[in-house]
Amino acid sequence: MYKRILVPLDGSRLAESVLPHAQALAKVEGAEIIILRVPALPAAEIFTRAPGMVSIINKDLEEEAETYVNDKVAYLTDEHIKAKGITKDGPAPDAILSVAEEAHADLIAMSTHGWTGVKRWLLGSVADNVVHHAHVPVMLIHPK
């Protein structure tokens, strides 16, 4: 049923809580896991205060994201799961949806922070945005 499972990770333990679920599903289905990391952009103040630093910071963020993805792919491969990694710039929801389409993902598996109320309103919800705009099923895992 599932051939490609997209797993967006932000580097946090909370986001990684979806991995055991995606692994179990991938093993049962014989599916490939696609690890996605969207590097976090620097705060807007940096652009105005130190414009020359932006390219250095972005390069460091991209390198860190690639290393992270490569480590996760190596771990999954060691667990006998077919895996590949992708990094993509841009707003996280847009990047996730774009990669899901480009990679022909059959499922997006991700963790949710579980924010409610004002915190959710102020910070938004990547998971909520993905659920409402994805053209494939989305499996959300609450970290608790």
N, C-alpha and C. Protein backbone atom coordinates (compact mmCIF):
# COMPACT_ATOMS: atom_id res chain seq x y z
N MET A 1 0.82 -1.19 0.00
CA MET A 1 0.00 0.00 0.00
C MET A 1 0.87 1.27 0.00
N TYR A 2 1.87 1.32 0.87
CA TYR A 2 2.77 2.47 0.92
C TYR A 2 4.12 2.08 0.34
N LYS A 3 4.60 2.91 -0.60
CA LYS A 3 5.92 2.66 -1.19
C LYS A 3 6.95 3.68 -0.70
N ARG A 4 6.49 4.91 -0.46
CA ARG A 4 7.38 5.98 -0.01
C ARG A 4 6.73 6.76 1.12
N ILE A 5 7.43 6.79 2.25
CA ILE A 5 6.93 7.51 3.43
C ILE A 5 7.82 8.71 3.67
N LEU A 6 7.27 9.90 3.56
CA LEU A 6 8.02 11.12 3.82
C LEU A 6 7.97 11.43 5.30
N VAL A 7 9.16 11.60 5.90
CA VAL A 7 9.25 11.89 7.33
C VAL A 7 10.03 13.21 7.50
N PRO A 8 9.31 14.32 7.68
CA PRO A 8 9.99 15.59 7.92
C PRO A 8 10.47 15.67 9.37
N LEU A 9 11.73 16.04 9.54
CA LEU A 9 12.31 16.16 10.89
C LEU A 9 12.97 17.53 11.02
N ASP A 10 12.87 18.10 12.22
CA ASP A 10 13.49 19.40 12.45
C ASP A 10 14.73 19.31 13.35
N GLY A 11 15.12 18.10 13.68
CA GLY A 11 16.30 17.91 14.52
C GLY A 11 15.98 17.74 15.99
N SER A 12 14.72 17.90 16.37
CA SER A 12 14.35 17.79 17.78
C SER A 12 13.95 16.36 18.12
N ARG A 13 14.05 16.02 19.39
CA ARG A 13 13.60 14.70 19.86
C ARG A 13 12.10 14.55 19.63
N LEU A 14 11.39 15.65 19.81
CA LEU A 14 9.95 15.62 19.62
C LEU A 14 9.62 15.19 18.19
N ALA A 15 10.26 15.80 17.21
CA ALA A 15 10.00 15.43 15.81
C ALA A 15 10.41 13.99 15.54
N GLU A 16 11.51 13.56 16.15
CA GLU A 16 12.02 12.22 15.92
C GLU A 16 11.14 11.14 16.56
N SER A 17 10.18 11.53 17.40
CA SER A 17 9.31 10.54 18.02
C SER A 17 8.45 9.81 16.98
N VAL A 18 8.36 10.32 15.78
CA VAL A 18 7.61 9.66 14.72
C VAL A 18 8.42 8.53 14.08
N LEU A 19 9.73 8.54 14.23
CA LEU A 19 10.57 7.56 13.54
C LEU A 19 10.23 6.10 13.84
N PRO A 20 10.06 5.68 15.10
CA PRO A 20 9.72 4.28 15.34
C PRO A 20 8.43 3.85 14.63
N HIS A 21 7.47 4.74 14.53
CA HIS A 21 6.20 4.44 13.87
C HIS A 21 6.41 4.30 12.36
N ALA A 22 7.17 5.24 11.80
CA ALA A 22 7.46 5.18 10.36
C ALA A 22 8.29 3.94 10.03
N GLN A 23 9.24 3.61 10.89
CA GLN A 23 10.07 2.42 10.68
C GLN A 23 9.21 1.16 10.67
N ALA A 24 8.34 1.03 11.65
CA ALA A 24 7.49 -0.16 11.74
C ALA A 24 6.62 -0.28 10.49
N LEU A 25 6.06 0.81 10.06
CA LEU A 25 5.23 0.80 8.87
C LEU A 25 6.05 0.47 7.62
N ALA A 26 7.23 1.04 7.53
CA ALA A 26 8.11 0.77 6.38
C ALA A 26 8.50 -0.70 6.32
N LYS A 27 8.78 -1.30 7.46
CA LYS A 27 9.15 -2.71 7.49
C LYS A 27 7.99 -3.59 7.04
N VAL A 28 6.81 -3.31 7.53
CA VAL A 28 5.63 -4.10 7.17
C VAL A 28 5.29 -3.94 5.68
N GLU A 29 5.39 -2.72 5.19
CA GLU A 29 4.99 -2.43 3.82
C GLU A 29 6.13 -2.60 2.81
N GLY A 30 7.38 -2.73 3.30
CA GLY A 30 8.52 -2.76 2.39
C GLY A 30 8.73 -1.41 1.73
N ALA A 31 8.38 -0.37 2.45
CA ALA A 31 8.42 1.00 1.91
C ALA A 31 9.78 1.66 2.17
N GLU A 32 10.04 2.67 1.38
CA GLU A 32 11.22 3.51 1.55
C GLU A 32 10.84 4.71 2.42
N ILE A 33 11.74 5.08 3.31
CA ILE A 33 11.53 6.30 4.11
C ILE A 33 12.37 7.41 3.51
N ILE A 34 11.73 8.54 3.31
CA ILE A 34 12.42 9.74 2.82
C ILE A 34 12.49 10.71 3.97
N ILE A 35 13.69 10.95 4.46
CA ILE A 35 13.90 11.91 5.55
C ILE A 35 14.05 13.30 4.93
N LEU A 36 13.28 14.25 5.43
CA LEU A 36 13.35 15.63 4.95
C LEU A 36 13.74 16.54 6.10
N ARG A 37 14.66 17.43 5.82
CA ARG A 37 15.05 18.46 6.79
C ARG A 37 15.00 19.81 6.10
N VAL A 38 14.27 20.73 6.67
CA VAL A 38 14.20 22.10 6.18
C VAL A 38 15.00 22.96 7.14
N PRO A 39 16.17 23.45 6.71
CA PRO A 39 16.97 24.27 7.62
C PRO A 39 16.21 25.50 8.10
N ALA A 40 16.34 25.81 9.38
CA ALA A 40 15.69 26.99 9.95
C ALA A 40 16.42 28.24 9.48
N LEU A 41 15.66 29.21 9.00
CA LEU A 41 16.26 30.45 8.54
C LEU A 41 16.60 31.34 9.72
N PRO A 42 17.66 32.16 9.59
CA PRO A 42 17.99 33.08 10.68
C PRO A 42 16.89 34.12 10.87
N ALA A 43 16.83 34.66 12.06
CA ALA A 43 15.85 35.70 12.37
C ALA A 43 16.05 36.90 11.45
N ALA A 44 14.97 37.60 11.16
CA ALA A 44 15.00 38.73 10.23
C ALA A 44 15.98 39.83 10.65
N GLU A 45 16.21 39.98 11.96
CA GLU A 45 17.11 41.04 12.42
C GLU A 45 18.53 40.85 11.89
N ILE A 46 18.94 39.62 11.68
CA ILE A 46 20.30 39.35 11.20
C ILE A 46 20.49 39.93 9.80
N PHE A 47 19.43 39.90 8.99
CA PHE A 47 19.54 40.42 7.63
C PHE A 47 19.89 41.91 7.62
N THR A 48 19.36 42.65 8.58
CA THR A 48 19.61 44.08 8.61
C THR A 48 20.87 44.44 9.40
N ARG A 49 21.18 43.67 10.42
CA ARG A 49 22.34 43.99 11.27
C ARG A 49 23.66 43.51 10.71
N ALA A 50 23.66 42.37 10.07
CA ALA A 50 24.90 41.80 9.54
C ALA A 50 24.63 41.08 8.23
N PRO A 51 24.37 41.85 7.16
CA PRO A 51 24.00 41.21 5.90
C PRO A 51 25.06 40.24 5.38
N GLY A 52 26.33 40.49 5.65
CA GLY A 52 27.40 39.61 5.19
C GLY A 52 27.39 38.26 5.89
N MET A 53 26.83 38.22 7.09
CA MET A 53 26.80 36.98 7.86
C MET A 53 25.73 36.01 7.38
N VAL A 54 24.75 36.53 6.68
CA VAL A 54 23.61 35.70 6.28
C VAL A 54 24.07 34.52 5.43
N SER A 55 24.94 34.76 4.45
CA SER A 55 25.37 33.66 3.59
C SER A 55 26.19 32.64 4.37
N ILE A 56 26.99 33.10 5.33
CA ILE A 56 27.78 32.18 6.16
C ILE A 56 26.86 31.35 7.04
N ILE A 57 25.87 31.99 7.65
CA ILE A 57 24.93 31.28 8.51
C ILE A 57 24.12 30.28 7.69
N ASN A 58 23.65 30.71 6.52
CA ASN A 58 22.86 29.81 5.67
C ASN A 58 23.68 28.60 5.25
N LYS A 59 24.95 28.81 4.92
CA LYS A 59 25.82 27.69 4.52
C LYS A 59 25.98 26.71 5.69
N ASP A 60 26.21 27.25 6.88
CA ASP A 60 26.34 26.40 8.07
C ASP A 60 25.06 25.61 8.34
N LEU A 61 23.92 26.28 8.21
CA LEU A 61 22.63 25.61 8.43
C LEU A 61 22.39 24.50 7.41
N GLU A 62 22.75 24.76 6.16
CA GLU A 62 22.59 23.75 5.11
C GLU A 62 23.50 22.55 5.36
N GLU A 63 24.74 22.82 5.76
CA GLU A 63 25.67 21.72 6.05
C GLU A 63 25.19 20.89 7.24
N GLU A 64 24.69 21.57 8.27
CA GLU A 64 24.19 20.86 9.45
C GLU A 64 22.99 20.01 9.07
N ALA A 65 22.11 20.54 8.23
CA ALA A 65 20.92 19.80 7.80
C ALA A 65 21.33 18.57 6.99
N GLU A 66 22.29 18.71 6.10
CA GLU A 66 22.74 17.57 5.30
C GLU A 66 23.38 16.49 6.18
N THR A 67 24.17 16.90 7.14
CA THR A 67 24.80 15.94 8.06
C THR A 67 23.73 15.21 8.85
N TYR A 68 22.76 15.94 9.35
CA TYR A 68 21.66 15.35 10.13
C TYR A 68 20.91 14.32 9.30
N VAL A 69 20.54 14.70 8.08
CA VAL A 69 19.80 13.80 7.20
C VAL A 69 20.63 12.56 6.88
N ASN A 70 21.89 12.75 6.58
CA ASN A 70 22.77 11.61 6.27
C ASN A 70 22.88 10.66 7.45
N ASP A 71 22.94 11.20 8.67
CA ASP A 71 22.99 10.36 9.87
C ASP A 71 21.72 9.53 10.03
N LYS A 72 20.57 10.16 9.80
CA LYS A 72 19.30 9.44 9.93
C LYS A 72 19.16 8.37 8.86
N VAL A 73 19.58 8.68 7.64
CA VAL A 73 19.53 7.69 6.55
C VAL A 73 20.44 6.52 6.87
N ALA A 74 21.63 6.79 7.39
CA ALA A 74 22.57 5.71 7.76
C ALA A 74 21.96 4.83 8.85
N TYR A 75 21.32 5.45 9.83
CA TYR A 75 20.67 4.70 10.90
C TYR A 75 19.59 3.78 10.33
N LEU A 76 18.73 4.31 9.47
CA LEU A 76 17.65 3.52 8.89
C LEU A 76 18.21 2.39 8.02
N THR A 77 19.25 2.68 7.28
CA THR A 77 19.88 1.66 6.44
C THR A 77 20.44 0.55 7.31
N ASP A 78 21.05 0.90 8.44
CA ASP A 78 21.55 -0.10 9.38
C ASP A 78 20.42 -0.96 9.93
N GLU A 79 19.21 -0.39 9.98
CA GLU A 79 18.03 -1.12 10.46
C GLU A 79 17.33 -1.88 9.32
N HIS A 80 18.00 -1.95 8.17
CA HIS A 80 17.51 -2.67 6.99
C HIS A 80 16.25 -2.05 6.41
N ILE A 81 16.21 -0.73 6.43
CA ILE A 81 15.11 0.02 5.83
C ILE A 81 15.68 0.87 4.70
N LYS A 82 15.07 0.76 3.54
CA LYS A 82 15.49 1.58 2.41
C LYS A 82 15.18 3.04 2.75
N ALA A 83 16.19 3.90 2.60
CA ALA A 83 15.99 5.30 2.98
C ALA A 83 16.82 6.23 2.11
N LYS A 84 16.33 7.44 1.98
CA LYS A 84 17.11 8.50 1.34
C LYS A 84 16.79 9.79 2.05
N GLY A 85 17.65 10.77 1.86
CA GLY A 85 17.48 12.04 2.55
C GLY A 85 17.43 13.21 1.59
N ILE A 86 16.69 14.22 2.01
CA ILE A 86 16.53 15.43 1.21
C ILE A 86 16.57 16.63 2.16
N THR A 87 17.23 17.69 1.73
CA THR A 87 17.12 18.97 2.43
C THR A 87 16.50 19.96 1.43
N LYS A 88 15.70 20.85 1.94
CA LYS A 88 15.03 21.81 1.07
C LYS A 88 14.81 23.11 1.84
N ASP A 89 15.09 24.22 1.18
CA ASP A 89 14.88 25.53 1.79
C ASP A 89 13.43 25.97 1.62
N GLY A 90 13.03 26.91 2.47
CA GLY A 90 11.71 27.51 2.35
C GLY A 90 10.91 27.30 3.62
N PRO A 91 9.70 27.84 3.64
CA PRO A 91 8.82 27.60 4.79
C PRO A 91 8.55 26.10 4.91
N ALA A 92 8.60 25.59 6.12
CA ALA A 92 8.48 24.14 6.34
C ALA A 92 7.24 23.52 5.70
N PRO A 93 6.04 24.07 5.89
CA PRO A 93 4.88 23.42 5.28
C PRO A 93 4.99 23.33 3.75
N ASP A 94 5.44 24.41 3.13
CA ASP A 94 5.58 24.43 1.67
C ASP A 94 6.62 23.41 1.21
N ALA A 95 7.74 23.33 1.93
CA ALA A 95 8.79 22.38 1.57
C ALA A 95 8.30 20.94 1.71
N ILE A 96 7.58 20.66 2.78
CA ILE A 96 7.07 19.31 3.01
C ILE A 96 6.10 18.92 1.90
N LEU A 97 5.18 19.78 1.58
CA LEU A 97 4.20 19.49 0.54
C LEU A 97 4.85 19.35 -0.83
N SER A 98 5.81 20.18 -1.10
CA SER A 98 6.53 20.13 -2.37
C SER A 98 7.31 18.83 -2.52
N VAL A 99 8.04 18.45 -1.48
CA VAL A 99 8.82 17.22 -1.53
C VAL A 99 7.89 16.01 -1.61
N ALA A 100 6.78 16.04 -0.92
CA ALA A 100 5.82 14.93 -0.98
C ALA A 100 5.38 14.70 -2.42
N GLU A 101 5.12 15.78 -3.12
CA GLU A 101 4.69 15.67 -4.51
C GLU A 101 5.84 15.24 -5.41
N GLU A 102 6.99 15.89 -5.28
CA GLU A 102 8.14 15.58 -6.13
C GLU A 102 8.63 14.14 -5.94
N ALA A 103 8.59 13.64 -4.72
CA ALA A 103 9.09 12.30 -4.41
C ALA A 103 8.02 11.22 -4.57
N HIS A 104 6.80 11.63 -4.93
CA HIS A 104 5.68 10.70 -5.08
C HIS A 104 5.45 9.92 -3.79
N ALA A 105 5.48 10.65 -2.67
CA ALA A 105 5.23 10.02 -1.37
C ALA A 105 3.78 9.54 -1.30
N ASP A 106 3.61 8.39 -0.67
CA ASP A 106 2.27 7.82 -0.46
C ASP A 106 1.72 8.22 0.90
N LEU A 107 2.61 8.68 1.78
CA LEU A 107 2.23 9.01 3.15
C LEU A 107 3.24 10.02 3.70
N ILE A 108 2.73 10.97 4.47
CA ILE A 108 3.59 11.88 5.22
C ILE A 108 3.42 11.51 6.69
N ALA A 109 4.51 11.17 7.35
CA ALA A 109 4.45 10.81 8.78
C ALA A 109 5.24 11.84 9.56
N MET A 110 4.58 12.48 10.50
CA MET A 110 5.25 13.53 11.26
C MET A 110 4.70 13.62 12.67
N SER A 111 5.48 14.24 13.52
CA SER A 111 5.08 14.47 14.90
C SER A 111 4.43 15.84 14.99
N THR A 112 3.60 15.98 15.98
CA THR A 112 2.97 17.28 16.22
C THR A 112 3.39 17.77 17.60
N HIS A 113 3.56 19.08 17.75
CA HIS A 113 3.91 19.64 19.04
C HIS A 113 2.74 19.60 20.01
N GLY A 114 1.52 19.53 19.47
CA GLY A 114 0.35 19.48 20.33
C GLY A 114 0.00 20.82 20.94
N TRP A 115 0.45 21.90 20.31
CA TRP A 115 0.12 23.23 20.84
C TRP A 115 -1.36 23.52 20.68
N THR A 116 -1.89 24.28 21.63
CA THR A 116 -3.27 24.71 21.55
C THR A 116 -3.34 26.18 21.94
N GLY A 117 -4.48 26.77 21.73
CA GLY A 117 -4.73 28.13 22.18
C GLY A 117 -3.82 29.18 21.57
N VAL A 118 -3.40 30.12 22.40
CA VAL A 118 -2.62 31.27 21.95
C VAL A 118 -1.28 30.84 21.35
N LYS A 119 -0.63 29.86 21.96
CA LYS A 119 0.66 29.41 21.44
C LYS A 119 0.53 28.92 20.00
N ARG A 120 -0.51 28.16 19.72
CA ARG A 120 -0.73 27.66 18.37
C ARG A 120 -1.05 28.82 17.43
N TRP A 121 -1.84 29.77 17.90
CA TRP A 121 -2.21 30.91 17.08
C TRP A 121 -0.98 31.76 16.75
N LEU A 122 -0.11 31.97 17.73
CA LEU A 122 1.08 32.78 17.52
C LEU A 122 2.13 32.08 16.67
N LEU A 123 2.37 30.80 16.95
CA LEU A 123 3.45 30.07 16.29
C LEU A 123 2.99 29.30 15.07
N GLY A 124 1.70 29.13 14.92
CA GLY A 124 1.19 28.37 13.79
C GLY A 124 1.43 26.88 14.00
N SER A 125 0.97 26.10 13.07
CA SER A 125 1.15 24.68 13.16
C SER A 125 1.54 24.13 11.80
N VAL A 126 2.77 23.66 11.71
CA VAL A 126 3.24 23.04 10.47
C VAL A 126 2.37 21.83 10.16
N ALA A 127 2.14 21.02 11.18
CA ALA A 127 1.34 19.80 10.98
C ALA A 127 -0.06 20.14 10.48
N ASP A 128 -0.69 21.14 11.08
CA ASP A 128 -2.04 21.53 10.68
C ASP A 128 -2.05 21.98 9.22
N ASN A 129 -1.07 22.77 8.84
CA ASN A 129 -0.96 23.26 7.47
C ASN A 129 -0.78 22.09 6.50
N VAL A 130 0.08 21.14 6.85
CA VAL A 130 0.32 19.98 6.00
C VAL A 130 -0.94 19.14 5.86
N VAL A 131 -1.61 18.88 6.98
CA VAL A 131 -2.83 18.06 6.96
C VAL A 131 -3.87 18.68 6.02
N HIS A 132 -4.03 19.98 6.09
CA HIS A 132 -5.08 20.63 5.30
C HIS A 132 -4.74 20.80 3.83
N HIS A 133 -3.47 20.68 3.46
CA HIS A 133 -3.10 20.91 2.06
C HIS A 133 -2.47 19.71 1.36
N ALA A 134 -2.23 18.64 2.07
CA ALA A 134 -1.58 17.46 1.48
C ALA A 134 -2.56 16.72 0.57
N HIS A 135 -2.00 16.12 -0.48
CA HIS A 135 -2.79 15.32 -1.40
C HIS A 135 -2.60 13.82 -1.14
N VAL A 136 -1.91 13.51 -0.04
CA VAL A 136 -1.71 12.12 0.38
C VAL A 136 -2.06 12.03 1.86
N PRO A 137 -2.27 10.83 2.38
CA PRO A 137 -2.57 10.70 3.80
C PRO A 137 -1.42 11.24 4.67
N VAL A 138 -1.78 11.78 5.82
CA VAL A 138 -0.81 12.29 6.79
C VAL A 138 -1.04 11.57 8.10
N MET A 139 0.04 10.94 8.61
CA MET A 139 -0.02 10.27 9.91
C MET A 139 0.65 11.19 10.92
N LEU A 140 -0.13 11.66 11.91
CA LEU A 140 0.42 12.52 12.95
C LEU A 140 0.61 11.71 14.22
N ILE A 141 1.77 11.88 14.83
CA ILE A 141 2.08 11.23 16.09
C ILE A 141 2.25 12.29 17.15
N HIS A 142 1.49 12.18 18.19
CA HIS A 142 1.67 13.08 19.34
C HIS A 142 2.78 12.49 20.19
N PRO A 143 3.76 13.29 20.58
CA PRO A 143 4.93 12.75 21.27
C PRO A 143 4.66 12.12 22.63
N LYS A 144 3.52 12.38 23.23
CA LYS A 144 3.23 11.81 24.54
C LYS A 144 2.61 10.50 24.33
